C-alpha atoms as a PDB file:
ATOM      1  CA  UNK A   1       3.607 -15.498  -5.023  1.00  0.00           C
ATOM      2  CA  UNK A   2       4.804 -12.638  -3.213  1.00  0.00           C
ATOM      3  CA  UNK A   3       3.988 -10.997   0.088  1.00  0.00           C
ATOM      4  CA  UNK A   4       4.689  -7.799   1.584  1.00  0.00           C
ATOM      5  CA  UNK A   5       4.587  -6.914   5.174  1.00  0.00           C
ATOM      6  CA  UNK A   6       4.284  -2.965   6.374  1.00  0.00           C
ATOM      7  CA  UNK A   7       4.313  -1.967   9.737  1.00  0.00           C
ATOM      8  CA  UNK A   8       1.494   0.422   9.299  1.00  0.00           C
ATOM      9  CA  UNK A   9      -0.985   1.423   6.431  1.00  0.00           C
ATOM     10  CA  UNK A  10      -1.153   4.269   5.302  1.00  0.00           C
ATOM     11  CA  UNK A  11      -5.085   5.910   6.572  1.00  0.00           C
ATOM     12  CA  UNK A  12      -6.785   9.137   5.111  1.00  0.00           C
ATOM     13  CA  UNK A  13      -7.733  12.332   7.529  1.00  0.00           C
ATOM     14  CA  UNK A  14     -10.927  10.691   8.147  1.00  0.00           C
ATOM     15  CA  UNK A  15      -9.685   6.860   9.283  1.00  0.00           C
ATOM     16  CA  UNK A  16      -9.700   4.831   6.153  1.00  0.00           C
ATOM     17  CA  UNK A  17      -6.989   2.984   4.412  1.00  0.00           C
ATOM     18  CA  UNK A  18      -5.026   4.995   1.809  1.00  0.00           C
ATOM     19  CA  UNK A  19      -5.160   2.590  -0.974  1.00  0.00           C
ATOM     20  CA  UNK A  20      -3.947   5.700  -3.208  1.00  0.00           C
ATOM     21  CA  UNK A  21      -0.704   5.652  -0.913  1.00  0.00           C
ATOM     22  CA  UNK A  22      -0.709   1.995  -1.442  1.00  0.00           C
ATOM     23  CA  UNK A  23      -0.537   2.220  -5.166  1.00  0.00           C
ATOM     24  CA  UNK A  24       1.936   4.278  -5.167  1.00  0.00           C
ATOM     25  CA  UNK A  25       4.133   3.075  -2.677  1.00  0.00           C
ATOM     26  CA  UNK A  26       3.760  -0.466  -4.473  1.00  0.00           C
ATOM     27  CA  UNK A  27       3.753   1.207  -8.232  1.00  0.00           C
ATOM     28  CA  UNK A  28       7.562  -0.283  -9.188  1.00  0.00           C
ATOM     29  CA  UNK A  29       6.599  -3.864  -7.835  1.00  0.00           C
ATOM     30  CA  UNK A  30       6.550  -6.031 -11.253  1.00  0.00           C
ATOM     31  CA  UNK A  31       4.420  -8.768 -11.089  1.00  0.00           C
ATOM     32  CA  UNK A  32       4.645 -12.383 -13.152  1.00  0.00           C
END
């Protein structure tokens, strides 16, 4: 298993977690 810690979760203008930004950021990470 692999765990990534980030300092800050990207948020939308409304204050919700931006799942799209997280997907884009970790798109190049390979999963076994």
